Structures are given as structure tokens and as C-alpha cells.
Amino acid sequence: MPRRRLSVRTIREVLRLKWQCGLSNDDIAASCRIGETTVREYLRRAKLAGLTWPLPDTLQDAVLNQMLFPPPAAIATSDRPLPDWFEVNKQLRRKGVTLQLLVEEYRRIHPTGYAYSQFCRLYREWALIQYPTMIQEHKAGDKLFVDYAGHTMPITDPKTGEVRDAQIFVAVLGASNYTFTEATLTQSLPDWIGSHIRCFAFLGGVPRLVVPDNLRSGVTSPCRYEPDINPTYLKLANHYGVAVVPARVRKPRDKAKAENAVLQVERRILARLRNHTFHSLAELNQAIAELLLLLNDQTTKSLGSSRTALFESIDRPALRPLPDHPFVEGEWSKARVNLDYHVVVDTHRYSVPHTLIGGLVDIHLTATIVEIYMDNARVASHKRSDVRNGFTTVAEHMPPQHRHVNWQEDQFLAQACKHGPHTERLISTVLASRPVREQSYRSCLGILRLADKYGSDRMEDAALRAVVTQVATYKSVETILKSGLDRVPLPTEHKDTPPLIHDNIRGADYYGAGTGAHTPREEAHNA
């Protein structure tokens, strides 16, 4: 059974790490959690396809996939016995024995057997399941290990007395053990991204690799062969020019540095704060920062120096410089383009090119910008609006026939006229209520469906009330019909009528209105 191909997102990440970050094939394989031979194969295919970095913005995923995987030519198959991998592994331990030599010996016995590349691939796949233990050697400025501590710190609301447990983020550099830690309210994506941003600022630079645990905020799918990095986390990595290499699931040796750093933070910082009461996150982080300074400045027996001294001499010179501006945190989501060529983001509608109607798009949302992507290409960008149920529309996104009065308006009015003049007047009011008429089509459609549901008579009464009370919207009409307000008579308008003349009715002259005279009651009182 042939292997499943990598997702196009993973393929793009492989090309970025190779051509932009300059990583080795082994590091790319570790970052993307795929085999090194797979990395080499995809790079070979990209070279044959004539691809260069950066990839064109107009290059869609389907086209890229077709360029990398043209239809294969038919090849003949034959029975090829597998080598004895235990014997191969044993022979490789002997001095001077290489895979090339073992392949030549294997081919002398089995001339139609596996060639060198497939022999090596099969051996590496077999070796992976043997769970070898590897001693890690950390280079200067190479890896930053990040994780959350198991312990939390309570924060007490001074007004209500409510206690909330703050999470403790920990990061440590592999070579110097220089440590960063802070408290956050949650382990959610915004806090996870924010802690990374503040950590890079604390270090004054960025490492080559970041090694996180398989926290859901960082790794969406912790698959062994093809994990998916959270899109926002991947965007942060692209911004800072680092590669993300997640630790294997349930493999503490992969992040032994982080485990030890968490232990030191819990013993030397959190334990010393156990009897303190904190009323805010800022207050807690201030106390943590003071003890963190002592932790990094303390001379350790194992290192023979302080973490700060080793950081200044080893890691800091090797760190890559920070970008010109910090990463702007954002959130990713998916949405389908509506018939009015808009997508709904946080109760507001933003336009996209009309040719994408019905398509599934990716939305990147920041505090100020809404970016919309299709097949990894940005198709629209809008300034974020806080107007609920509002519209942000670019004229270029509209089809040509929608840039003037559309024939659909006549259809809506014709349907409304069947129910009566008040319904027709309501539809006309709704059509005129939007700066772009196409934005009101869905409201008109909903009102006409209400007419089909409740009948023409009730629709006429509801339409009259909606227009008179100036609440000509779909939700208002729906509320009128559901609550039965259409059956309640409207308040009659005030009309001027001649004054009644009767002996028992006192006029304005009796009360001295407008003349300054005293009323009979005032005169009696004065007397």
C-alpha cells in the first residue's frame, strides 16, 4: 500500500526550513516529524519541478501538488527478500563497516534485490522502532525548550475573594540553561503566543529551534509522522525565523532540559512564594521576576558558573537578532463564503472576490486587521470593525452587475406585492437601508419567508408596524410575528379637533393662562 502524501502545508514548511532557514535535512525531519529520506525526496522533487523560494503567491496547493507528483511511469515488480536487519545492525557496529558495503554484499546474493537508497530507507525505518536512547549535545544558541510547570499559583480577587490558578510558563536555552518564566491566566493560544513573544524579548534574540511539548495550543495534531503545528504558532515561527521541533509524545528525554528547568522553577521560585497572597497577575509576575534573577545569577556546582554568565558568553552571541517589530498575535479560523460574497467574522461581514462564493477560506484575525486566505494566498484584507451585524465591502469584490441596481430587487418587490402594499413598502425600506443593496438581499429573503410561514394578512399588519415604528429589519419583523404584536392595534395619531364648549368646562381665561392674572383659587387664598 503506498504511503500517504504529506499535506501541502507540511510541504511548504519543508521548503521554507530548507531554503529560508537553511536547516539540515535531519533538523527539518525532526521539526516536521517525518523521515529524513522523505525530506530529501521532497527537496529532490521540488528541484526537478524548478521551484524556488519564496514560492509565488499565486501558486495554489493543487498546482504545487501536481508539480511535485506528476503521474508515475509504470515499472515492473519482482520478489525481493528483506535483509536480516538485526544482522545488518550488528555488522554496522564493527569498525569500517558501512551501509554501502552491506548493500554490495546483499546485492551479490540477491542481484534483483533492493538498491542502495531503498535499502537505507528500510533499515532506518526498522531502526526507528528500536527506541534508541541518544545523549543530547546542545550547541550555543541552538535550542529553546518550552513547557508549562505542573504547579500553579493562586491569585485572589480582593473584592470577591475568588481564587484563580495561574499557569507557569517555563523556557530554557539548551547550552547555558538560562531560564525564563512567567505566570499567565491560562494555557490557551493567546497566552502561549504571548509568552513566546515576551521570552524572545527577555533573551534579546531568537534561537534556531524551539522545542515545545505537544500542548494543543502549539501542536494541533501530535501525529508521529505528520503533526500539524497550530497556524498561529507557525506564523510566529515564520515571523521570528525559527523552526518548531515538537517533542515526541510521552518521551520526556526529548525535553529533559525543560523538565529540569520546571523542577528548578518549582523549587526555587514557586516554593518560596507559597505563603504569599497575590491579588493580580502583574503582582505575581513581579515577584517571579525578582526570584528569577537570583536563579539565573546563582553559581551551580554542575556548571561551575552561573546561568547568566554562561548565557552572556555562549548563547547570547549565537542568538539570531530579533525582527524589527514583535509578532502581532492573531487567531485563525475557517469560514465559507456566503452568497453575498461576504464572510462573517465576529458578527461583522467582510467582502471577498465574488468568484469565491461557496468556497472555504482561512481567516487570520488580529486586533486591527482581518486577512482572508484561499489556498495559502491572501485574497482580501480589511480593517477590523466592531460594528455588530455591519458590512465592510470593497467595490472590486462585487460582480459587475452588482455595481448598479440589480435585477433581484424587482424580484423581491414583486414577491412582496403579492402579500400587500405594506409588505412592498417594508421591502423597499430594507433595500434602501444598506449602503450596498446586495447586502440587504438576505434580510429581504428572510422577511418573505416569514410571510410564507405566517400568511399574508399577518405579514401586512407586521410590515405596517415595522415601517411605522422604524424597525424595518428581519429580526424585528420576526419578533413582531412571534410575539403577536401584529394583532395589537397601532396607537392612533393625534389629530387637531375643535375645542368643546360647555358651561361646566373652564377655559384658559378662567385660569389666567398666558395673561399673568391670578386664578380664582389663588385670589381666594390671598383673601
Foldseek 3Di string as FASTA:
>chain_A
DDDDDAQLVLLLVLQCCCQPLVDDLVVSCLLQLADSVVSVLSVVLCVVLVADPPGDLPDFSVNVVCSSCPPDDDDDDDDADQDPLVVVVVVVVDPPDDLVVVQVVSCVVVVPHDDSVVNVVVSVVVVVVVPDDDDDDAAALAEKEKEKAPDWDWAAAPPPRDIATWIKIKIAHDPLRQIDIATHRDPALVVVQVVVLVVCVVLQFHGQEYEYECDCSAWVALDNHGTHGAPQNVVQCVQRVHGYRYDHPPDCSSRVSRVVRSVCCCVQQVVVCRPPHHHDRVVNRVSSVVSSVVQQQDQDPVVRGGSVVCCVVGHSVNGHHGDPDHDFGWHKDKFAQACLQWTADPQETEHFANVRHGHIWMWIGGPFKIWIGDSSRTGDIDTDDPDHNYYDYDPNSDDPQQVDDHPVLVVLLVLQPVLHDLSSVLSVVQQVPHPRSSSSPVFSVLLSVVCVVQHSVLSSLLSNVCVVVVPSTSVSSVVCVVVVVSVPDDDDDDDDDDDDDDPPDDDPVQCCPPNPDHHPVVVVVVD
